[in-house]
Each structure stands twice: as structure tokens, then as C-alpha cells.
Amino acid sequence: MIDRNKHFLRLMDWSEEKVLETIEIASRLKAEVHAGKVSDRLHGQNIAMFFEKPSLRTITTFQVGMNQLGGHAVLLSPDSIGLGKRESVKDVARCLSRWVNAIVVRCFKQQLVEELAEYGSIPVVNALTDDYHPCQAIAFAQMINESLGGFKNADGKPKTVAFIGDGNNVANSFLALAAKVGMNFTLACPKGFEQPAKVVEEAEAGLKKHGCQYRVFHDPKEAVKDADILYSDVWVSMGQEGEKATKQSHFLPFQINDELLKLAPSHCKVSHCLPAHRGEEITDSVMDNLDVNMSFEEAENRLHAHKAVLWQVMTPFNK
């Protein structure tokens, strides 16, 4: 049985209190860096990073983050390890547990992070799977909290996040986030690209507790009318390149552009998890409008969000 509080496999696994605490830690660590301070909280500790998917932000921020916390990161090559082929997941997990203090995994199948957590004795952090992207959700929440005044508007009502595009791994983790911190979540997608029913069902209790709504629109113009922030991700995720032509034909109306942004409230902001396919899910004019686009602040927060997650899962092993 996996102790899901020990790991960071899905955002939904952690309590509301722990999610909020992690966001607060991320902001504190960011402020310390900006003030020229460093923490050695993880001095002498090491993480192994296993990445099946290419990466700019994730690999850089976990490595730099461990350095800033006084630790070290080791990048493992999928070709060299042959996880599940050259050597069983069980054996790799048990070996790594004797060498390092945590495993960070960016891979295709959620099953892999679950198996590493099951068979290893050290924390496992999901740095992205085809099903979830919990670290991105923490960075996004940090940005909302720091730059947009928190999760409620001035009138006390919950903010509304309108996710324009595919009901994918990022959308799944953002819906979980909305249920934890109390925001409305709107998905605008073509028919047939909605989120899995189990993901929606898991979020229902948290949304109800906070008096928040989950809505699905198949017309993006309807979805943005009351949004406080519009969010986008690529239409074709890594590993789905064969679906590009089909997906683009469905998703063309779901582009965040100046015309769509004009239909949203005047204070509405935009963000993207990056990398952005400019001219597809979002236009150059929106990406380069830094008065509106918060994507690069969110990207900065990835560094501190990742440190906060490591802080949470690795602290018990540093006493």
C-alpha cells in the first residue's frame, strides 16, 4: 500500500492544508532568493531525476532548486537504464532507495511513478505524466496568490480559471487545485476532449465545500465571459504527435487570441504552462503582451514550487 502523503504523485493525494502550506513555502523560498539568501535545508541530500520526456523548465528548476537547498541532483538517462526493459521497475526502485533521498520522474505513464513509489522506500515526485502535472499546479497557484491577490476576488467570490483547450494532464491537476484552494474551474474544449469522469468526481467534494463551480463549454466565447485568468496548453502533447492533424482541426476555434481576450473581463490575465506553440493554441500578440501574459512569472515559480515540494517530501529524512 502506497503512503500517498509521503510522495507527490497527484495533487489530489495531499490535504488542502498541505497544498496551501506548500504554496506558502514556495513563496517564502522565492522571497529568500530575491533577498540574496540561501537555505541548506537539504544539505547532503541527493535526488535522482528520471526523464522520459524532453524538458527545459523541469530539468533546470529541479537541478538548480536542489543546488539552492544545498543538495545535488543526478540526471538518469532512460536509454542507459532501460527501466522496465533492461531492469525491472522493482529492482531500480530498491537500488535507488539505497543511494538517493528522492526520485523525480517525468514520464508518460502514471503507472510508472506509482510503481516506483510502491517498491521504493524513498519519496517519489511526479514531475509530469500523461495523466497529471501536479508541480505545474503549485507554480500556478503561487502566481495567483502572489500576483493576482489570492484565490478570491475583492468581493469575496472565488476566482475563475478558464482552461481553453484539451482536458489533459495540466487541466486535471488544475481542477484538483481548484478543489483544494477554492476556485471555479471552467474547461472549454471540443466535444470528445473532456476530462476523465474520475478526475471530475474526485474534485466534486472540494468544490462543493468551497462553494465553487466546475463547468464545461464547447464554445470558448462562452467560457471566458466571467474568467479571471485564461489558461492554455499545447493541443498535442508529447507522445501524441501522430494525432496532430486531427487535433488541430478540432481545436482551431480554441485559440487564445486578442479577439477571445476581448470577450473576457477587462482585468482578465492569461497564462500558459509552456512550451507554447505560438500561432496554434495561443498567438504571438498575447504571448508578447506582458501586461496580460503571466506565463513567465509562472515559469519562474516552477523553481520555487519544485523546491517547496522537495522540502515537503524530503524533510522527514533530514532529521
Protein backbone atom coordinates (compact mmCIF):
# COMPACT_ATOMS: atom_id res chain seq x y z
CA MET A 1 0.00 0.00 0.00
CA ILE A 2 1.42 3.37 -1.03
CA ASP A 3 1.55 6.11 1.61
CA ARG A 4 0.33 8.81 -0.73
CA ASN A 5 1.12 11.61 1.71
CA LYS A 6 4.80 10.61 1.63
CA HIS A 7 5.02 11.11 -2.13
CA PHE A 8 3.77 13.75 -4.57
CA LEU A 9 2.07 11.59 -7.19
CA ARG A 10 -1.12 13.61 -7.67
CA LEU A 11 -2.24 16.91 -6.19
CA MET A 12 -5.46 15.27 -5.05
CA ASP A 13 -3.45 12.99 -2.75
CA TRP A 14 -2.48 15.87 -0.45
CA SER A 15 -4.79 17.61 2.01
CA GLU A 16 -5.98 21.15 1.45
CA GLU A 17 -3.79 22.25 4.36
CA LYS A 18 -0.67 20.64 2.91
CA VAL A 19 -1.28 22.13 -0.54
CA LEU A 20 -1.69 25.63 0.92
CA GLU A 21 1.40 25.14 3.08
CA THR A 22 3.42 24.10 0.02
CA ILE A 23 2.33 27.23 -1.86
CA GLU A 24 3.37 29.35 1.13
CA ILE A 25 6.76 27.62 1.35
CA ALA A 26 7.32 28.24 -2.37
CA SER A 27 6.65 31.96 -1.95
CA ARG A 28 8.92 32.15 1.07
CA LEU A 29 11.77 30.41 -0.75
CA LYS A 30 11.31 32.75 -3.73
CA ALA A 31 11.50 35.80 -1.46
CA GLU A 32 14.69 34.45 0.14
CA VAL A 33 16.37 34.07 -3.26
CA HIS A 34 15.33 37.58 -4.28
CA ALA A 35 16.84 38.82 -0.99
CA GLY A 36 20.12 37.05 -1.71
CA LYS A 37 19.63 34.35 0.91
CA VAL A 38 20.07 30.61 0.55
CA SER A 39 18.87 27.66 2.60
CA ASP A 40 20.81 24.46 3.24
CA ARG A 41 17.71 22.56 4.27
CA LEU A 42 18.63 19.60 2.05
CA HIS A 43 22.39 19.74 2.61
CA GLY A 44 23.98 16.40 1.83
CA GLN A 45 20.86 15.01 0.19
CA ASN A 46 20.52 13.82 -3.39
CA ILE A 47 17.69 13.26 -5.86
CA ALA A 48 17.67 11.04 -8.93
CA MET A 49 15.83 12.51 -11.92
CA PHE A 50 14.41 10.09 -14.47
CA PHE A 51 13.07 11.92 -17.53
CA GLU A 52 11.47 10.08 -20.46
CA LYS A 53 10.19 13.35 -21.93
CA PRO A 54 12.25 16.34 -23.07
CA SER A 55 12.41 19.27 -20.70
CA LEU A 56 13.66 22.83 -20.29
CA ARG A 57 11.88 24.16 -17.19
CA THR A 58 11.54 20.94 -15.21
CA ILE A 59 15.11 19.71 -15.53
CA THR A 60 16.62 23.15 -14.93
CA THR A 61 14.47 24.06 -11.95
CA PHE A 62 14.86 20.77 -10.10
CA GLN A 63 18.64 20.84 -10.57
CA VAL A 64 19.02 24.50 -9.62
CA GLY A 65 16.49 24.05 -6.83
CA MET A 66 18.47 21.23 -5.24
CA ASN A 67 21.63 23.33 -5.51
CA GLN A 68 19.89 26.25 -3.79
CA LEU A 69 18.75 23.96 -0.98
CA GLY A 70 22.25 22.58 -0.51
CA GLY A 71 21.69 19.23 -2.21
CA HIS A 72 22.54 17.61 -5.51
CA ALA A 73 20.61 16.19 -8.46
CA VAL A 74 21.63 13.26 -10.66
CA LEU A 75 20.06 13.00 -14.12
CA LEU A 76 19.40 9.44 -15.26
CA SER A 77 19.29 8.57 -18.95
CA PRO A 78 16.27 6.45 -19.97
CA ASP A 79 18.36 4.76 -22.67
CA SER A 80 21.04 3.72 -20.20
CA ILE A 81 18.66 2.45 -17.55
CA GLY A 82 16.09 0.79 -19.79
CA LEU A 83 13.55 0.97 -16.99
CA GLY A 84 11.19 -1.99 -17.24
CA LYS A 85 13.24 -3.46 -20.10
CA ARG A 86 16.89 -3.81 -19.12
CA GLU A 87 15.90 -3.92 -15.47
CA SER A 88 12.61 -4.22 -13.62
CA VAL A 89 10.98 -1.19 -12.01
CA LYS A 90 11.07 -3.06 -8.69
CA ASP A 91 14.82 -3.51 -8.78
CA VAL A 92 15.54 0.05 -9.91
CA ALA A 93 13.34 1.48 -7.15
CA ARG A 94 15.04 -0.66 -4.50
CA CYS A 95 18.54 0.27 -5.69
CA LEU A 96 17.83 3.99 -5.93
CA SER A 97 16.35 3.90 -2.44
CA ARG A 98 19.79 2.92 -1.13
CA TRP A 99 21.65 5.69 -2.99
CA VAL A 100 19.49 8.81 -3.07
CA ASN A 101 16.87 10.52 -0.92
CA ALA A 102 14.09 11.00 -3.50
CA ILE A 103 13.20 10.24 -7.12
CA VAL A 104 11.80 12.86 -9.53
CA VAL A 105 10.06 11.32 -12.54
CA ARG A 106 8.87 12.92 -15.80
CA CYS A 107 7.38 10.16 -17.90
CA PHE A 108 4.45 9.00 -19.99
CA LYS A 109 2.54 6.54 -17.84
CA GLN A 110 1.22 7.40 -14.38
CA GLN A 111 1.67 3.72 -13.58
CA LEU A 112 5.46 4.17 -13.57
CA VAL A 113 5.51 6.78 -10.79
CA GLU A 114 3.03 4.66 -8.84
CA GLU A 115 5.23 1.56 -9.15
CA LEU A 116 8.39 3.43 -8.13
CA ALA A 117 6.53 4.69 -5.06
CA GLU A 118 5.24 1.20 -4.28
CA TYR A 119 8.55 -0.62 -4.49
CA GLY A 120 10.99 2.03 -3.29
CA SER A 121 11.39 3.30 0.26
CA ILE A 122 12.01 6.96 -0.63
CA PRO A 123 9.66 9.73 -1.81
CA VAL A 124 8.70 9.91 -5.48
CA VAL A 125 7.76 13.23 -7.11
CA ASN A 126 5.62 13.29 -10.25
CA ALA A 127 7.23 15.92 -12.47
CA LEU A 128 4.70 15.15 -15.24
CA THR A 129 2.83 12.15 -16.60
CA ASP A 130 0.20 11.82 -19.31
CA ASP A 131 -2.45 11.98 -16.56
CA TYR A 132 -1.26 14.68 -14.14
CA HIS A 133 1.11 17.62 -13.74
CA PRO A 134 0.90 18.48 -10.01
CA CYS A 135 4.10 20.56 -9.83
CA GLN A 136 2.76 22.91 -12.50
CA ALA A 137 -0.38 23.40 -10.42
CA ILE A 138 1.68 24.53 -7.41
CA ALA A 139 3.59 27.08 -9.54
CA PHE A 140 0.32 28.35 -11.00
CA ALA A 141 -1.24 28.68 -7.56
CA GLN A 142 1.81 30.56 -6.33
CA MET A 143 1.41 33.03 -9.20
CA ILE A 144 -2.32 33.51 -8.49
CA ASN A 145 -1.59 34.07 -4.80
CA GLU A 146 1.34 36.44 -5.25
CA SER A 147 0.32 38.49 -8.27
CA LEU A 148 -3.46 38.29 -8.53
CA GLY A 149 -4.42 38.84 -4.90
CA GLY A 150 -5.17 35.27 -3.87
CA PHE A 151 -7.85 32.78 -4.80
CA LYS A 152 -10.79 35.10 -4.16
CA ASN A 153 -11.73 38.38 -5.81
CA ALA A 154 -12.21 41.63 -3.91
CA ASP A 155 -15.91 40.83 -3.50
CA GLY A 156 -15.04 37.61 -1.68
CA LYS A 157 -16.17 35.37 -4.52
CA PRO A 158 -13.85 32.64 -5.85
CA LYS A 159 -11.68 33.42 -8.83
CA THR A 160 -12.49 31.62 -12.07
CA VAL A 161 -9.87 29.81 -14.12
CA ALA A 162 -10.92 29.13 -17.72
CA PHE A 163 -8.78 26.40 -19.28
CA ILE A 164 -9.03 26.72 -23.06
CA GLY A 165 -8.05 23.54 -24.87
CA ASP A 166 -7.66 19.84 -24.18
CA GLY A 167 -8.88 18.19 -20.97
CA ASN A 168 -5.33 16.95 -20.41
CA ASN A 169 -2.87 16.32 -17.58
CA VAL A 170 -2.46 20.02 -16.76
CA ALA A 171 -6.22 20.56 -16.72
CA ASN A 172 -6.60 17.54 -14.42
CA SER A 173 -4.17 18.92 -11.86
CA PHE A 174 -5.64 22.43 -12.11
CA LEU A 175 -9.11 21.07 -11.40
CA ALA A 176 -7.69 19.33 -8.33
CA LEU A 177 -6.06 22.61 -7.32
CA ALA A 178 -9.36 24.47 -7.67
CA ALA A 179 -10.96 21.92 -5.35
CA LYS A 180 -8.19 22.35 -2.77
CA VAL A 181 -7.89 26.15 -2.66
CA GLY A 182 -11.40 27.18 -3.66
CA MET A 183 -11.62 28.45 -7.24
CA ASN A 184 -14.12 27.97 -10.03
CA PHE A 185 -12.80 25.88 -12.91
CA THR A 186 -14.10 26.10 -16.47
CA LEU A 187 -12.97 23.85 -19.29
CA ALA A 188 -13.55 24.96 -22.87
CA CYS A 189 -12.81 22.12 -25.27
CA PRO A 190 -14.14 20.43 -28.40
CA LYS A 191 -16.64 17.65 -27.84
CA GLY A 192 -14.85 14.42 -27.07
CA PHE A 193 -11.86 16.08 -25.37
CA GLU A 194 -13.34 16.49 -21.89
CA GLN A 195 -11.56 15.42 -18.71
CA PRO A 196 -11.93 11.85 -17.41
CA ALA A 197 -15.03 11.35 -15.29
CA LYS A 198 -12.97 10.01 -12.36
CA VAL A 199 -10.94 13.24 -12.21
CA VAL A 200 -14.11 15.34 -12.09
CA GLU A 201 -15.71 13.08 -9.48
CA GLU A 202 -12.69 13.33 -7.19
CA ALA A 203 -12.85 17.13 -7.27
CA GLU A 204 -16.59 17.43 -6.58
CA ALA A 205 -16.46 17.33 -2.78
CA GLY A 206 -13.75 20.01 -2.53
CA LEU A 207 -15.51 22.29 -4.99
CA LYS A 208 -18.78 21.91 -3.09
CA LYS A 209 -17.06 22.65 0.22
CA HIS A 210 -15.76 25.96 -1.14
CA GLY A 211 -18.97 26.82 -2.99
CA CYS A 212 -17.18 26.61 -6.33
CA GLN A 213 -18.30 25.50 -9.78
CA TYR A 214 -16.99 23.16 -12.43
CA ARG A 215 -18.30 23.85 -15.92
CA VAL A 216 -17.59 22.54 -19.42
CA PHE A 217 -18.23 24.61 -22.55
CA HIS A 218 -17.76 23.65 -26.16
CA ASP A 219 -17.73 27.31 -27.15
CA PRO A 220 -14.70 29.23 -25.84
CA LYS A 221 -16.52 32.52 -26.22
CA GLU A 222 -18.99 31.43 -23.54
CA ALA A 223 -16.24 30.09 -21.28
CA VAL A 224 -14.30 33.35 -20.97
CA LYS A 225 -17.14 35.71 -20.06
CA ASP A 226 -16.54 35.59 -16.31
CA ALA A 227 -12.94 34.38 -16.24
CA ASP A 228 -10.23 35.95 -14.11
CA ILE A 229 -7.48 34.08 -15.92
CA LEU A 230 -7.38 32.18 -19.21
CA TYR A 231 -5.06 29.21 -19.41
CA SER A 232 -3.74 27.25 -22.33
CA ASP A 233 -1.53 24.29 -23.10
CA VAL A 234 -0.37 22.69 -26.32
CA TRP A 235 -3.06 20.86 -28.26
CA VAL A 236 -0.77 17.91 -28.99
CA SER A 237 1.18 16.63 -26.00
CA MET A 238 4.49 14.78 -26.17
CA GLY A 239 3.88 11.28 -27.44
CA GLN A 240 0.73 12.28 -29.33
CA GLU A 241 2.39 13.72 -32.43
CA GLY A 242 0.52 11.28 -34.66
CA GLU A 243 -2.74 12.99 -33.66
CA LYS A 244 -1.59 16.48 -34.67
CA ALA A 245 -3.57 16.89 -37.89
CA THR A 246 -6.77 15.53 -36.36
CA LYS A 247 -6.47 17.55 -33.19
CA GLN A 248 -5.68 20.83 -34.92
CA SER A 249 -8.86 20.61 -36.98
CA HIS A 250 -10.90 20.28 -33.77
CA PHE A 251 -9.02 22.85 -31.72
CA LEU A 252 -8.63 25.78 -34.14
CA PRO A 253 -11.56 27.71 -32.56
CA PHE A 254 -9.95 27.23 -29.12
CA GLN A 255 -7.04 29.59 -29.64
CA ILE A 256 -6.33 32.29 -27.08
CA ASN A 257 -6.02 35.42 -29.19
CA ASP A 258 -6.83 39.11 -28.89
CA GLU A 259 -10.40 38.59 -30.09
CA LEU A 260 -11.12 35.97 -27.42
CA LEU A 261 -9.42 38.02 -24.72
CA LYS A 262 -11.67 40.99 -25.54
CA LEU A 263 -14.69 38.87 -24.56
CA ALA A 264 -13.27 38.28 -21.07
CA PRO A 265 -13.48 40.83 -18.22
CA SER A 266 -11.04 43.72 -18.59
CA HIS A 267 -8.91 42.55 -15.64
CA CYS A 268 -8.50 39.04 -17.05
CA LYS A 269 -4.96 37.66 -17.33
CA VAL A 270 -3.50 34.80 -19.39
CA SER A 271 -1.01 32.06 -18.63
CA HIS A 272 0.47 29.01 -20.32
CA CYS A 273 2.46 26.11 -18.86
CA LEU A 274 5.00 26.33 -21.71
CA PRO A 275 6.43 25.48 -24.14
CA ALA A 276 3.93 27.43 -26.23
CA HIS A 277 3.24 26.62 -29.85
CA ARG A 278 2.79 30.21 -30.96
CA GLY A 279 0.19 30.57 -33.67
CA GLU A 280 -1.62 27.42 -32.56
CA GLU A 281 -3.16 27.43 -29.07
CA ILE A 282 -2.02 31.00 -28.39
CA THR A 283 -0.94 33.91 -30.59
CA ASP A 284 2.27 35.93 -30.59
CA SER A 285 0.32 39.07 -29.70
CA VAL A 286 -0.99 37.53 -26.47
CA MET A 287 2.27 35.81 -25.54
CA ASP A 288 4.23 39.04 -26.00
CA ASN A 289 1.74 41.23 -24.12
CA LEU A 290 3.47 41.08 -20.75
CA ASP A 291 0.80 43.29 -19.16
CA VAL A 292 -1.58 40.36 -19.64
CA ASN A 293 0.55 37.25 -20.01
CA MET A 294 1.70 35.74 -16.69
CA SER A 295 3.38 32.67 -18.21
CA PHE A 296 6.93 33.73 -17.48
CA GLU A 297 6.22 34.55 -13.86
CA GLU A 298 4.63 31.13 -13.55
CA ALA A 299 7.75 29.64 -15.17
CA GLU A 300 9.92 31.45 -12.60
CA ASN A 301 7.75 29.95 -9.89
CA ARG A 302 8.50 26.46 -11.13
CA LEU A 303 11.91 26.77 -9.47
CA HIS A 304 10.45 27.61 -6.09
CA ALA A 305 7.42 25.33 -6.36
CA HIS A 306 9.73 22.40 -7.02
CA LYS A 307 11.87 23.35 -4.05
CA ALA A 308 8.76 23.54 -1.87
CA VAL A 309 7.64 20.07 -2.97
CA LEU A 310 11.09 18.65 -2.22
CA TRP A 311 11.05 20.49 1.11
CA GLN A 312 7.79 18.78 1.99
CA VAL A 313 8.65 15.23 0.94
CA MET A 314 12.32 15.14 1.94
CA THR A 315 12.28 16.91 5.31
CA PRO A 316 11.49 13.74 7.33
CA PHE A 317 14.71 12.21 6.01
CA ASN A 318 16.81 15.18 7.15
CA LYS A 319 16.21 14.97 10.90
